[in-house]
Amino acid sequence: QVQLAEFGGDLVQPGGSLRLACPAGEKLSKLYVMAWYHQAPGKQREFVASMTNTFAANYADAAKGRFTISRNETSNTLFLQMSSLKVEDTGLYYCYAQLADGSGFWGRGTQVTVSS
């Protein structure tokens, strides 16, 4: 069982920035891949960005050029730096971790609201 918790959600104006954090209850080197997902109000959860334990990053088209995923092996924390935020970025952001055996774990989400 991997314990995940997301932090950093807030109310921000369009064009603003936020940094989300997801401390993991495991050494990140044990986690094959970690990722961020976004669930807009009334919509399905969608992939935002991921990073493997070899630091290979992948982004959804909507996130490219605006969001940056990173991980800190010392604090065992996954981050998502979000900039140029848009109203459509509003929603819950979930942290996800997958072990090498394919088992996956989710956090409970943190709310991001982009509004003027």
PDB file of N, CA and C in Angstrom:
ATOM      1  N   GLN A   1       0.844  -1.191   0.000  1.00  0.00           N
ATOM      2  CA  GLN A   1       0.000   0.000   0.000  1.00  0.00           C
ATOM      3  C   GLN A   1       0.881   1.243   0.000  1.00  0.00           C
ATOM      4  N   VAL A   2       0.613   2.153  -0.927  1.00  0.00           N
ATOM      5  CA  VAL A   2       1.359   3.406  -1.012  1.00  0.00           C
ATOM      6  C   VAL A   2       0.417   4.532  -0.595  1.00  0.00           C
ATOM      7  N   GLN A   3       0.826   5.263   0.399  1.00  0.00           N
ATOM      8  CA  GLN A   3       0.013   6.378   0.898  1.00  0.00           C
ATOM      9  C   GLN A   3       0.398   7.655   0.161  1.00  0.00           C
ATOM     10  N   LEU A   4      -0.583   8.279  -0.455  1.00  0.00           N
ATOM     11  CA  LEU A   4      -0.353   9.512  -1.197  1.00  0.00           C
ATOM     12  C   LEU A   4      -1.267  10.604  -0.663  1.00  0.00           C
ATOM     13  N   ALA A   5      -0.769  11.830  -0.656  1.00  0.00           N
ATOM     14  CA  ALA A   5      -1.587  12.969  -0.242  1.00  0.00           C
ATOM     15  C   ALA A   5      -1.172  14.171  -1.062  1.00  0.00           C
ATOM     16  N   GLU A   6      -2.142  14.889  -1.588  1.00  0.00           N
ATOM     17  CA  GLU A   6      -1.856  16.050  -2.410  1.00  0.00           C
ATOM     18  C   GLU A   6      -2.001  17.335  -1.600  1.00  0.00           C
ATOM     19  N   PHE A   7      -1.137  18.285  -1.904  1.00  0.00           N
ATOM     20  CA  PHE A   7      -1.168  19.590  -1.256  1.00  0.00           C
ATOM     21  C   PHE A   7      -0.947  20.680  -2.299  1.00  0.00           C
ATOM     22  N   GLY A   8      -1.404  21.884  -1.976  1.00  0.00           N
ATOM     23  CA  GLY A   8      -1.084  23.030  -2.815  1.00  0.00           C
ATOM     24  C   GLY A   8      -2.232  23.608  -3.611  1.00  0.00           C
ATOM     25  N   GLY A   9      -3.378  22.939  -3.622  1.00  0.00           N
ATOM     26  CA  GLY A   9      -4.506  23.494  -4.343  1.00  0.00           C
ATOM     27  C   GLY A   9      -4.975  24.804  -3.726  1.00  0.00           C
ATOM     28  N   ASP A  10      -5.486  25.693  -4.577  1.00  0.00           N
ATOM     29  CA  ASP A  10      -5.878  27.008  -4.086  1.00  0.00           C
ATOM     30  C   ASP A  10      -6.742  27.696  -5.127  1.00  0.00           C
ATOM     31  N   LEU A  11      -7.228  28.868  -4.780  1.00  0.00           N
ATOM     32  CA  LEU A  11      -7.933  29.733  -5.721  1.00  0.00           C
ATOM     33  C   LEU A  11      -6.898  30.678  -6.328  1.00  0.00           C
ATOM     34  N   VAL A  12      -6.859  30.734  -7.650  1.00  0.00           N
ATOM     35  CA  VAL A  12      -5.876  31.569  -8.335  1.00  0.00           C
ATOM     36  C   VAL A  12      -6.541  32.225  -9.532  1.00  0.00           C
ATOM     37  N   GLN A  13      -6.050  33.400  -9.889  1.00  0.00           N
ATOM     38  CA  GLN A  13      -6.609  34.110 -11.036  1.00  0.00           C
ATOM     39  C   GLN A  13      -6.078  33.524 -12.341  1.00  0.00           C
ATOM     40  N   PRO A  14      -6.814  33.661 -13.413  1.00  0.00           N
ATOM     41  CA  PRO A  14      -6.297  33.222 -14.720  1.00  0.00           C
ATOM     42  C   PRO A  14      -4.942  33.857 -15.006  1.00  0.00           C
ATOM     43  N   GLY A  15      -4.040  33.051 -15.525  1.00  0.00           N
ATOM     44  CA  GLY A  15      -2.679  33.511 -15.775  1.00  0.00           C
ATOM     45  C   GLY A  15      -1.742  33.290 -14.612  1.00  0.00           C
ATOM     46  N   GLY A  16      -2.284  32.887 -13.480  1.00  0.00           N
ATOM     47  CA  GLY A  16      -1.475  32.684 -12.288  1.00  0.00           C
ATOM     48  C   GLY A  16      -0.766  31.339 -12.271  1.00  0.00           C
ATOM     49  N   SER A  17      -0.081  31.085 -11.147  1.00  0.00           N
ATOM     50  CA  SER A  17       0.713  29.865 -10.997  1.00  0.00           C
ATOM     51  C   SER A  17       0.413  29.193  -9.666  1.00  0.00           C
ATOM     52  N   LEU A  18       0.613  27.894  -9.643  1.00  0.00           N
ATOM     53  CA  LEU A  18       0.507  27.112  -8.429  1.00  0.00           C
ATOM     54  C   LEU A  18       1.495  25.960  -8.512  1.00  0.00           C
ATOM     55  N   ARG A  19       1.933  25.499  -7.348  1.00  0.00           N
ATOM     56  CA  ARG A  19       2.754  24.292  -7.308  1.00  0.00           C
ATOM     57  C   ARG A  19       2.070  23.277  -6.406  1.00  0.00           C
ATOM     58  N   LEU A  20       1.765  22.137  -6.979  1.00  0.00           N
ATOM     59  CA  LEU A  20       1.163  21.048  -6.223  1.00  0.00           C
ATOM     60  C   LEU A  20       2.261  20.094  -5.753  1.00  0.00           C
ATOM     61  N   ALA A  21       2.046  19.508  -4.604  1.00  0.00           N
ATOM     62  CA  ALA A  21       3.004  18.558  -4.057  1.00  0.00           C
ATOM     63  C   ALA A  21       2.296  17.283  -3.631  1.00  0.00           C
ATOM     64  N   CYS A  22       2.982  16.176  -3.784  1.00  0.00           N
ATOM     65  CA  CYS A  22       2.431  14.880  -3.399  1.00  0.00           C
ATOM     66  C   CYS A  22       3.528  14.085  -2.704  1.00  0.00           C
ATOM     67  N   PRO A  23       3.635  14.190  -1.384  1.00  0.00           N
ATOM     68  CA  PRO A  23       4.590  13.347  -0.674  1.00  0.00           C
ATOM     69  C   PRO A  23       4.106  11.905  -0.661  1.00  0.00           C
ATOM     70  N   ALA A  24       5.017  11.003  -0.951  1.00  0.00           N
ATOM     71  CA  ALA A  24       4.681   9.587  -0.990  1.00  0.00           C
ATOM     72  C   ALA A  24       5.212   8.918   0.269  1.00  0.00           C
ATOM     73  N   GLY A  25       4.509   7.926   0.725  1.00  0.00           N
ATOM     74  CA  GLY A  25       4.937   7.200   1.902  1.00  0.00           C
ATOM     75  C   GLY A  25       5.949   6.119   1.577  1.00  0.00           C
ATOM     76  N   GLU A  26       6.628   6.268   0.430  1.00  0.00           N
ATOM     77  CA  GLU A  26       7.616   5.302  -0.021  1.00  0.00           C
ATOM     78  C   GLU A  26       8.773   6.048  -0.666  1.00  0.00           C
ATOM     79  N   LYS A  27       9.911   5.403  -0.728  1.00  0.00           N
ATOM     80  CA  LYS A  27      11.002   5.956  -1.524  1.00  0.00           C
ATOM     81  C   LYS A  27      10.549   5.965  -2.983  1.00  0.00           C
ATOM     82  N   LEU A  28      10.737   7.101  -3.630  1.00  0.00           N
ATOM     83  CA  LEU A  28      10.259   7.225  -5.003  1.00  0.00           C
ATOM     84  C   LEU A  28      10.925   6.220  -5.938  1.00  0.00           C
ATOM     85  N   SER A  29      12.127   5.788  -5.592  1.00  0.00           N
ATOM     86  CA  SER A  29      12.826   4.828  -6.450  1.00  0.00           C
ATOM     87  C   SER A  29      12.081   3.493  -6.521  1.00  0.00           C
ATOM     88  N   LYS A  30      11.194   3.245  -5.532  1.00  0.00           N
ATOM     89  CA  LYS A  30      10.416   2.011  -5.536  1.00  0.00           C
ATOM     90  C   LYS A  30       9.163   2.127  -6.411  1.00  0.00           C
ATOM     91  N   LEU A  31       8.848   3.355  -6.802  1.00  0.00           N
ATOM     92  CA  LEU A  31       7.632   3.598  -7.573  1.00  0.00           C
ATOM     93  C   LEU A  31       7.988   3.709  -9.047  1.00  0.00           C
ATOM     94  N   TYR A  32       7.439   2.803  -9.848  1.00  0.00           N
ATOM     95  CA  TYR A  32       7.813   2.750 -11.260  1.00  0.00           C
ATOM     96  C   TYR A  32       7.459   4.047 -11.983  1.00  0.00           C
ATOM     97  N   VAL A  33       6.275   4.562 -11.706  1.00  0.00           N
ATOM     98  CA  VAL A  33       5.857   5.814 -12.324  1.00  0.00           C
ATOM     99  C   VAL A  33       4.926   6.545 -11.370  1.00  0.00           C
ATOM    100  N   MET A  34       5.024   7.862 -11.380  1.00  0.00           N
ATOM    101  CA  MET A  34       4.078   8.703 -10.650  1.00  0.00           C
ATOM    102  C   MET A  34       3.484   9.698 -11.635  1.00  0.00           C
ATOM    103  N   ALA A  35       2.270  10.118 -11.341  1.00  0.00           N
ATOM    104  CA  ALA A  35       1.573  10.973 -12.306  1.00  0.00           C
ATOM    105  C   ALA A  35       0.592  11.894 -11.620  1.00  0.00           C
ATOM    106  N   TRP A  36       0.171  12.891 -12.368  1.00  0.00           N
ATOM    107  CA  TRP A  36      -0.892  13.797 -11.952  1.00  0.00           C
ATOM    108  C   TRP A  36      -2.061  13.649 -12.918  1.00  0.00           C
ATOM    109  N   TYR A  37      -3.252  13.654 -12.356  1.00  0.00           N
ATOM    110  CA  TYR A  37      -4.485  13.620 -13.137  1.00  0.00           C
ATOM    111  C   TYR A  37      -5.371  14.776 -12.715  1.00  0.00           C
ATOM    112  N   HIS A  38      -6.219  15.199 -13.630  1.00  0.00           N
ATOM    113  CA  HIS A  38      -7.123  16.317 -13.394  1.00  0.00           C
ATOM    114  C   HIS A  38      -8.555  15.881 -13.659  1.00  0.00           C
ATOM    115  N   GLN A  39      -9.441  16.231 -12.743  1.00  0.00           N
ATOM    116  CA  GLN A  39     -10.854  15.959 -12.945  1.00  0.00           C
ATOM    117  C   GLN A  39     -11.630  17.262 -12.848  1.00  0.00           C
ATOM    118  N   ALA A  40     -12.061  17.752 -13.992  1.00  0.00           N
ATOM    119  CA  ALA A  40     -12.866  18.972 -14.028  1.00  0.00           C
ATOM    120  C   ALA A  40     -14.275  18.656 -13.536  1.00  0.00           C
ATOM    121  N   PRO A  41     -14.987  19.651 -13.044  1.00  0.00           N
ATOM    122  CA  PRO A  41     -16.346  19.421 -12.553  1.00  0.00           C
ATOM    123  C   PRO A  41     -17.236  18.755 -13.608  1.00  0.00           C
ATOM    124  N   GLY A  42     -17.850  17.650 -13.255  1.00  0.00           N
ATOM    125  CA  GLY A  42     -18.752  16.953 -14.150  1.00  0.00           C
ATOM    126  C   GLY A  42     -18.082  16.158 -15.247  1.00  0.00           C
ATOM    127  N   LYS A  43     -16.744  16.027 -15.191  1.00  0.00           N
ATOM    128  CA  LYS A  43     -16.036  15.309 -16.251  1.00  0.00           C
ATOM    129  C   LYS A  43     -15.219  14.166 -15.671  1.00  0.00           C
ATOM    130  N   GLN A  44     -14.706  13.336 -16.562  1.00  0.00           N
ATOM    131  CA  GLN A  44     -13.893  12.214 -16.128  1.00  0.00           C
ATOM    132  C   GLN A  44     -12.471  12.668 -15.801  1.00  0.00           C
ATOM    133  N   ARG A  45     -11.829  11.874 -14.997  1.00  0.00           N
ATOM    134  CA  ARG A  45     -10.440  12.140 -14.641  1.00  0.00           C
ATOM    135  C   ARG A  45      -9.566  11.977 -15.878  1.00  0.00           C
ATOM    136  N   GLU A  46      -8.647  12.934 -16.089  1.00  0.00           N
ATOM    137  CA  GLU A  46      -7.788  12.910 -17.266  1.00  0.00           C
ATOM    138  C   GLU A  46      -6.314  13.029 -16.883  1.00  0.00           C
ATOM    139  N   PHE A  47      -5.495  12.416 -17.677  1.00  0.00           N
ATOM    140  CA  PHE A  47      -4.045  12.441 -17.478  1.00  0.00           C
ATOM    141  C   PHE A  47      -3.499  13.845 -17.703  1.00  0.00           C
ATOM    142  N   VAL A  48      -2.582  14.256 -16.838  1.00  0.00           N
ATOM    143  CA  VAL A  48      -1.911  15.551 -16.987  1.00  0.00           C
ATOM    144  C   VAL A  48      -0.434  15.355 -17.311  1.00  0.00           C
ATOM    145  N   ALA A  49       0.260  14.628 -16.444  1.00  0.00           N
ATOM    146  CA  ALA A  49       1.697  14.451 -16.621  1.00  0.00           C
ATOM    147  C   ALA A  49       2.149  13.256 -15.792  1.00  0.00           C
ATOM    148  N   SER A  50       3.265  12.659 -16.221  1.00  0.00           N
ATOM    149  CA  SER A  50       3.832  11.540 -15.473  1.00  0.00           C
ATOM    150  C   SER A  50       5.343  11.607 -15.517  1.00  0.00           C
ATOM    151  N   MET A  51       5.949  10.914 -14.564  1.00  0.00           N
ATOM    152  CA  MET A  51       7.403  10.803 -14.542  1.00  0.00           C
ATOM    153  C   MET A  51       7.766   9.422 -13.994  1.00  0.00           C
ATOM    154  N   THR A  52       8.646   8.752 -14.712  1.00  0.00           N
ATOM    155  CA  THR A  52       9.083   7.421 -14.274  1.00  0.00           C
ATOM    156  C   THR A  52      10.208   7.538 -13.254  1.00  0.00           C
ATOM    157  N   ASN A  53      10.613   6.397 -12.719  1.00  0.00           N
ATOM    158  CA  ASN A  53      11.714   6.415 -11.757  1.00  0.00           C
ATOM    159  C   ASN A  53      13.067   6.620 -12.434  1.00  0.00           C
ATOM    160  N   THR A  54      13.072   6.723 -13.749  1.00  0.00           N
ATOM    161  CA  THR A  54      14.281   7.126 -14.474  1.00  0.00           C
ATOM    162  C   THR A  54      14.160   8.566 -14.963  1.00  0.00           C
ATOM    163  N   PHE A  55      13.160   9.275 -14.417  1.00  0.00           N
ATOM    164  CA  PHE A  55      12.964  10.706 -14.666  1.00  0.00           C
ATOM    165  C   PHE A  55      12.502  11.015 -16.087  1.00  0.00           C
ATOM    166  N   ALA A  56      11.942  10.031 -16.767  1.00  0.00           N
ATOM    167  CA  ALA A  56      11.339  10.287 -18.076  1.00  0.00           C
ATOM    168  C   ALA A  56       9.963  10.904 -17.855  1.00  0.00           C
ATOM    169  N   ALA A  57       9.741  12.069 -18.452  1.00  0.00           N
ATOM    170  CA  ALA A  57       8.480  12.798 -18.253  1.00  0.00           C
ATOM    171  C   ALA A  57       7.610  12.724 -19.495  1.00  0.00           C
ATOM    172  N   ASN A  58       6.308  12.753 -19.258  1.00  0.00           N
ATOM    173  CA  ASN A  58       5.343  12.739 -20.349  1.00  0.00           C
ATOM    174  C   ASN A  58       4.205  13.687 -19.971  1.00  0.00           C
ATOM    175  N   TYR A  59       3.689  14.414 -20.952  1.00  0.00           N
ATOM    176  CA  TYR A  59       2.666  15.418 -20.683  1.00  0.00           C
ATOM    177  C   TYR A  59       1.481  15.270 -21.626  1.00  0.00           C
ATOM    178  N   ALA A  60       0.310  15.592 -21.115  1.00  0.00           N
ATOM    179  CA  ALA A  60      -0.840  15.749 -21.982  1.00  0.00           C
ATOM    180  C   ALA A  60      -0.648  17.019 -22.810  1.00  0.00           C
ATOM    181  N   ASP A  61      -1.266  17.057 -23.969  1.00  0.00           N
ATOM    182  CA  ASP A  61      -1.105  18.228 -24.839  1.00  0.00           C
ATOM    183  C   ASP A  61      -1.498  19.522 -24.132  1.00  0.00           C
ATOM    184  N   ALA A  62      -2.539  19.456 -23.302  1.00  0.00           N
ATOM    185  CA  ALA A  62      -3.025  20.661 -22.620  1.00  0.00           C
ATOM    186  C   ALA A  62      -2.024  21.182 -21.590  1.00  0.00           C
ATOM    187  N   ALA A  63      -1.121  20.313 -21.153  1.00  0.00           N
ATOM    188  CA  ALA A  63      -0.156  20.682 -20.119  1.00  0.00           C
ATOM    189  C   ALA A  63       1.189  21.116 -20.688  1.00  0.00           C
ATOM    190  N   LYS A  64       1.466  20.737 -21.901  1.00  0.00           N
ATOM    191  CA  LYS A  64       2.775  21.028 -22.496  1.00  0.00           C
ATOM    192  C   LYS A  64       3.024  22.527 -22.571  1.00  0.00           C
ATOM    193  N   GLY A  65       4.188  22.942 -22.114  1.00  0.00           N
ATOM    194  CA  GLY A  65       4.567  24.342 -22.153  1.00  0.00           C
ATOM    195  C   GLY A  65       4.058  25.167 -20.982  1.00  0.00           C
ATOM    196  N   ARG A  66       3.136  24.597 -20.196  1.00  0.00           N
ATOM    197  CA  ARG A  66       2.592  25.340 -19.051  1.00  0.00           C
ATOM    198  C   ARG A  66       2.881  24.646 -17.724  1.00  0.00           C
ATOM    199  N   PHE A  67       2.895  23.338 -17.728  1.00  0.00           N
ATOM    200  CA  PHE A  67       3.087  22.574 -16.489  1.00  0.00           C
ATOM    201  C   PHE A  67       4.423  21.845 -16.541  1.00  0.00           C
ATOM    202  N   THR A  68       5.018  21.679 -15.370  1.00  0.00           N
ATOM    203  CA  THR A  68       6.260  20.926 -15.257  1.00  0.00           C
ATOM    204  C   THR A  68       6.149  19.950 -14.105  1.00  0.00           C
ATOM    205  N   ILE A  69       6.395  18.687 -14.388  1.00  0.00           N
ATOM    206  CA  ILE A  69       6.379  17.662 -13.356  1.00  0.00           C
ATOM    207  C   ILE A  69       7.812  17.409 -12.905  1.00  0.00           C
ATOM    208  N   SER A  70       7.973  17.192 -11.610  1.00  0.00           N
ATOM    209  CA  SER A  70       9.304  16.902 -11.087  1.00  0.00           C
ATOM    210  C   SER A  70       9.160  16.043  -9.841  1.00  0.00           C
ATOM    211  N   ARG A  71      10.263  15.453  -9.412  1.00  0.00           N
ATOM    212  CA  ARG A  71      10.243  14.628  -8.222  1.00  0.00           C
ATOM    213  C   ARG A  71      11.522  14.841  -7.436  1.00  0.00           C
ATOM    214  N   ASN A  72      11.396  14.843  -6.120  1.00  0.00           N
ATOM    215  CA  ASN A  72      12.514  15.032  -5.223  1.00  0.00           C
ATOM    216  C   ASN A  72      12.738  13.731  -4.474  1.00  0.00           C
ATOM    217  N   GLU A  73      13.880  13.117  -4.740  1.00  0.00           N
ATOM    218  CA  GLU A  73      14.148  11.804  -4.149  1.00  0.00           C
ATOM    219  C   GLU A  73      14.469  11.896  -2.661  1.00  0.00           C
ATOM    220  N   THR A  74      14.898  13.060  -2.216  1.00  0.00           N
ATOM    221  CA  THR A  74      15.239  13.224  -0.799  1.00  0.00           C
ATOM    222  C   THR A  74      13.982  13.308   0.058  1.00  0.00           C
ATOM    223  N   SER A  75      13.012  14.090  -0.434  1.00  0.00           N
ATOM    224  CA  SER A  75      11.770  14.254   0.330  1.00  0.00           C
ATOM    225  C   SER A  75      10.695  13.276  -0.119  1.00  0.00           C
ATOM    226  N   ASN A  76      11.011  12.461  -1.138  1.00  0.00           N
ATOM    227  CA  ASN A  76      10.043  11.499  -1.669  1.00  0.00           C
ATOM    228  C   ASN A  76       8.733  12.179  -2.055  1.00  0.00           C
ATOM    229  N   THR A  77       8.886  13.266  -2.785  1.00  0.00           N
ATOM    230  CA  THR A  77       7.729  14.086  -3.148  1.00  0.00           C
ATOM    231  C   THR A  77       7.675  14.319  -4.649  1.00  0.00           C
ATOM    232  N   LEU A  78       6.466  14.207  -5.190  1.00  0.00           N
ATOM    233  CA  LEU A  78       6.193  14.539  -6.585  1.00  0.00           C
ATOM    234  C   LEU A  78       5.611  15.945  -6.633  1.00  0.00           C
ATOM    235  N   PHE A  79       6.012  16.728  -7.621  1.00  0.00           N
ATOM    236  CA  PHE A  79       5.524  18.097  -7.755  1.00  0.00           C
ATOM    237  C   PHE A  79       4.892  18.306  -9.126  1.00  0.00           C
ATOM    238  N   LEU A  80       4.016  19.280  -9.189  1.00  0.00           N
ATOM    239  CA  LEU A  80       3.493  19.759 -10.458  1.00  0.00           C
ATOM    240  C   LEU A  80       3.488  21.283 -10.394  1.00  0.00           C
ATOM    241  N   GLN A  81       4.381  21.900 -11.143  1.00  0.00           N
ATOM    242  CA  GLN A  81       4.422  23.351 -11.243  1.00  0.00           C
ATOM    243  C   GLN A  81       3.502  23.751 -12.384  1.00  0.00           C
ATOM    244  N   MET A  82       2.490  24.549 -12.064  1.00  0.00           N
ATOM    245  CA  MET A  82       1.510  24.953 -13.057  1.00  0.00           C
ATOM    246  C   MET A  82       1.596  26.459 -13.256  1.00  0.00           C
ATOM    247  N   SER A  83       1.687  26.891 -14.487  1.00  0.00           N
ATOM    248  CA  SER A  83       1.727  28.314 -14.793  1.00  0.00           C
ATOM    249  C   SER A  83       0.748  28.613 -15.919  1.00  0.00           C
ATOM    250  N   SER A  84       0.527  29.896 -16.151  1.00  0.00           N
ATOM    251  CA  SER A  84      -0.428  30.331 -17.178  1.00  0.00           C
ATOM    252  C   SER A  84      -1.755  29.598 -17.023  1.00  0.00           C
ATOM    253  N   LEU A  85      -2.234  29.538 -15.804  1.00  0.00           N
ATOM    254  CA  LEU A  85      -3.433  28.760 -15.521  1.00  0.00           C
ATOM    255  C   LEU A  85      -4.659  29.360 -16.204  1.00  0.00           C
ATOM    256  N   LYS A  86      -5.522  28.455 -16.640  1.00  0.00           N
ATOM    257  CA  LYS A  86      -6.741  28.836 -17.343  1.00  0.00           C
ATOM    258  C   LYS A  86      -7.955  28.381 -16.536  1.00  0.00           C
ATOM    259  N   VAL A  87      -9.086  28.985 -16.827  1.00  0.00           N
ATOM    260  CA  VAL A  87     -10.307  28.614 -16.126  1.00  0.00           C
ATOM    261  C   VAL A  87     -10.571  27.120 -16.264  1.00  0.00           C
ATOM    262  N   GLU A  88     -10.264  26.567 -17.424  1.00  0.00           N
ATOM    263  CA  GLU A  88     -10.508  25.142 -17.661  1.00  0.00           C
ATOM    264  C   GLU A  88      -9.560  24.229 -16.887  1.00  0.00           C
ATOM    265  N   ASP A  89      -8.573  24.782 -16.236  1.00  0.00           N
ATOM    266  CA  ASP A  89      -7.699  23.989 -15.360  1.00  0.00           C
ATOM    267  C   ASP A  89      -8.342  23.739 -13.996  1.00  0.00           C
ATOM    268  N   THR A  90      -9.463  24.359 -13.755  1.00  0.00           N
ATOM    269  CA  THR A  90     -10.181  24.177 -12.497  1.00  0.00           C
ATOM    270  C   THR A  90     -10.589  22.725 -12.299  1.00  0.00           C
ATOM    271  N   GLY A  91     -10.474  22.263 -11.073  1.00  0.00           N
ATOM    272  CA  GLY A  91     -10.903  20.910 -10.749  1.00  0.00           C
ATOM    273  C   GLY A  91     -10.025  20.287  -9.684  1.00  0.00           C
ATOM    274  N   LEU A  92     -10.258  19.018  -9.472  1.00  0.00           N
ATOM    275  CA  LEU A  92      -9.452  18.264  -8.530  1.00  0.00           C
ATOM    276  C   LEU A  92      -8.228  17.690  -9.238  1.00  0.00           C
ATOM    277  N   TYR A  93      -7.094  17.773  -8.563  1.00  0.00           N
ATOM    278  CA  TYR A  93      -5.853  17.205  -9.081  1.00  0.00           C
ATOM    279  C   TYR A  93      -5.446  16.043  -8.184  1.00  0.00           C
ATOM    280  N   TYR A  94      -5.270  14.896  -8.817  1.00  0.00           N
ATOM    281  CA  TYR A  94      -4.949  13.674  -8.101  1.00  0.00           C
ATOM    282  C   TYR A  94      -3.527  13.227  -8.412  1.00  0.00           C
ATOM    283  N   CYS A  95      -2.892  12.709  -7.387  1.00  0.00           N
ATOM    284  CA  CYS A  95      -1.584  12.096  -7.514  1.00  0.00           C
ATOM    285  C   CYS A  95      -1.792  10.582  -7.668  1.00  0.00           C
ATOM    286  N   TYR A  96      -0.992   9.980  -8.516  1.00  0.00           N
ATOM    287  CA  TYR A  96      -1.092   8.543  -8.784  1.00  0.00           C
ATOM    288  C   TYR A  96       0.303   7.944  -8.756  1.00  0.00           C
ATOM    289  N   ALA A  97       0.399   6.755  -8.198  1.00  0.00           N
ATOM    290  CA  ALA A  97       1.676   6.045  -8.175  1.00  0.00           C
ATOM    291  C   ALA A  97       1.453   4.598  -8.583  1.00  0.00           C
ATOM    292  N   GLN A  98       2.372   4.081  -9.355  1.00  0.00           N
ATOM    293  CA  GLN A  98       2.275   2.696  -9.807  1.00  0.00           C
ATOM    294  C   GLN A  98       3.562   1.954  -9.479  1.00  0.00           C
ATOM    295  N   LEU A  99       3.382   0.765  -8.922  1.00  0.00           N
ATOM    296  CA  LEU A  99       4.531  -0.088  -8.646  1.00  0.00           C
ATOM    297  C   LEU A  99       4.911  -0.880  -9.902  1.00  0.00           C
ATOM    298  N   ALA A 100       6.069  -1.517  -9.848  1.00  0.00           N
ATOM    299  CA  ALA A 100       6.536  -2.292 -10.993  1.00  0.00           C
ATOM    300  C   ALA A 100       5.603  -3.461 -11.321  1.00  0.00           C
ATOM    301  N   ASP A 101       4.856  -3.937 -10.326  1.00  0.00           N
ATOM    302  CA  ASP A 101       3.947  -5.056 -10.578  1.00  0.00           C
ATOM    303  C   ASP A 101       2.615  -4.608 -11.174  1.00  0.00           C
ATOM    304  N   GLY A 102       2.488  -3.305 -11.419  1.00  0.00           N
ATOM    305  CA  GLY A 102       1.277  -2.776 -12.038  1.00  0.00           C
ATOM    306  C   GLY A 102       0.234  -2.264 -11.091  1.00  0.00           C
ATOM    307  N   SER A 103       0.381  -2.512  -9.834  1.00  0.00           N
ATOM    308  CA  SER A 103      -0.615  -2.029  -8.871  1.00  0.00           C
ATOM    309  C   SER A 103      -0.511  -0.517  -8.739  1.00  0.00           C
ATOM    310  N   GLY A 104      -1.665   0.137  -8.697  1.00  0.00           N
ATOM    311  CA  GLY A 104      -1.707   1.585  -8.677  1.00  0.00           C
ATOM    312  C   GLY A 104      -2.406   2.126  -7.457  1.00  0.00           C
ATOM    313  N   PHE A 105      -2.047   3.345  -7.079  1.00  0.00           N
ATOM    314  CA  PHE A 105      -2.583   3.963  -5.881  1.00  0.00           C
ATOM    315  C   PHE A 105      -2.881   5.422  -6.172  1.00  0.00           C
ATOM    316  N   TRP A 106      -3.962   5.912  -5.542  1.00  0.00           N
ATOM    317  CA  TRP A 106      -4.403   7.284  -5.745  1.00  0.00           C
ATOM    318  C   TRP A 106      -4.418   8.050  -4.428  1.00  0.00           C
ATOM    319  N   GLY A 107      -4.172   9.356  -4.529  1.00  0.00           N
ATOM    320  CA  GLY A 107      -4.425  10.238  -3.412  1.00  0.00           C
ATOM    321  C   GLY A 107      -5.867  10.689  -3.453  1.00  0.00           C
ATOM    322  N   ARG A 108      -6.245  11.557  -2.512  1.00  0.00           N
ATOM    323  CA  ARG A 108      -7.632  11.994  -2.434  1.00  0.00           C
ATOM    324  C   ARG A 108      -7.906  13.258  -3.225  1.00  0.00           C
ATOM    325  N   GLY A 109      -6.875  13.889  -3.728  1.00  0.00           N
ATOM    326  CA  GLY A 109      -7.063  15.063  -4.565  1.00  0.00           C
ATOM    327  C   GLY A 109      -6.929  16.379  -3.824  1.00  0.00           C
ATOM    328  N   THR A 110      -6.562  17.403  -4.576  1.00  0.00           N
ATOM    329  CA  THR A 110      -6.503  18.763  -4.049  1.00  0.00           C
ATOM    330  C   THR A 110      -7.214  19.677  -5.057  1.00  0.00           C
ATOM    331  N   GLN A 111      -7.982  20.618  -4.542  1.00  0.00           N
ATOM    332  CA  GLN A 111      -8.822  21.455  -5.392  1.00  0.00           C
ATOM    333  C   GLN A 111      -8.054  22.667  -5.912  1.00  0.00           C
ATOM    334  N   VAL A 112      -8.091  22.836  -7.220  1.00  0.00           N
ATOM    335  CA  VAL A 112      -7.548  24.028  -7.865  1.00  0.00           C
ATOM    336  C   VAL A 112      -8.720  24.771  -8.513  1.00  0.00           C
ATOM    337  N   THR A 113      -8.848  26.031  -8.185  1.00  0.00           N
ATOM    338  CA  THR A 113      -9.897  26.852  -8.785  1.00  0.00           C
ATOM    339  C   THR A 113      -9.255  28.053  -9.451  1.00  0.00           C
ATOM    340  N   VAL A 114      -9.484  28.176 -10.745  1.00  0.00           N
ATOM    341  CA  VAL A 114      -8.946  29.300 -11.506  1.00  0.00           C
ATOM    342  C   VAL A 114     -10.115  30.201 -11.877  1.00  0.00           C
ATOM    343  N   SER A 115     -10.130  31.369 -11.268  1.00  0.00           N
ATOM    344  CA  SER A 115     -11.268  32.269 -11.453  1.00  0.00           C
ATOM    345  C   SER A 115     -10.854  33.704 -11.148  1.00  0.00           C
ATOM    346  N   SER A 116     -11.462  34.616 -11.853  1.00  0.00           N
ATOM    347  CA  SER A 116     -11.204  36.026 -11.570  1.00  0.00           C
ATOM    348  C   SER A 116     -12.249  36.572 -10.594  1.00  0.00           C
TER     349      SER A 116
END
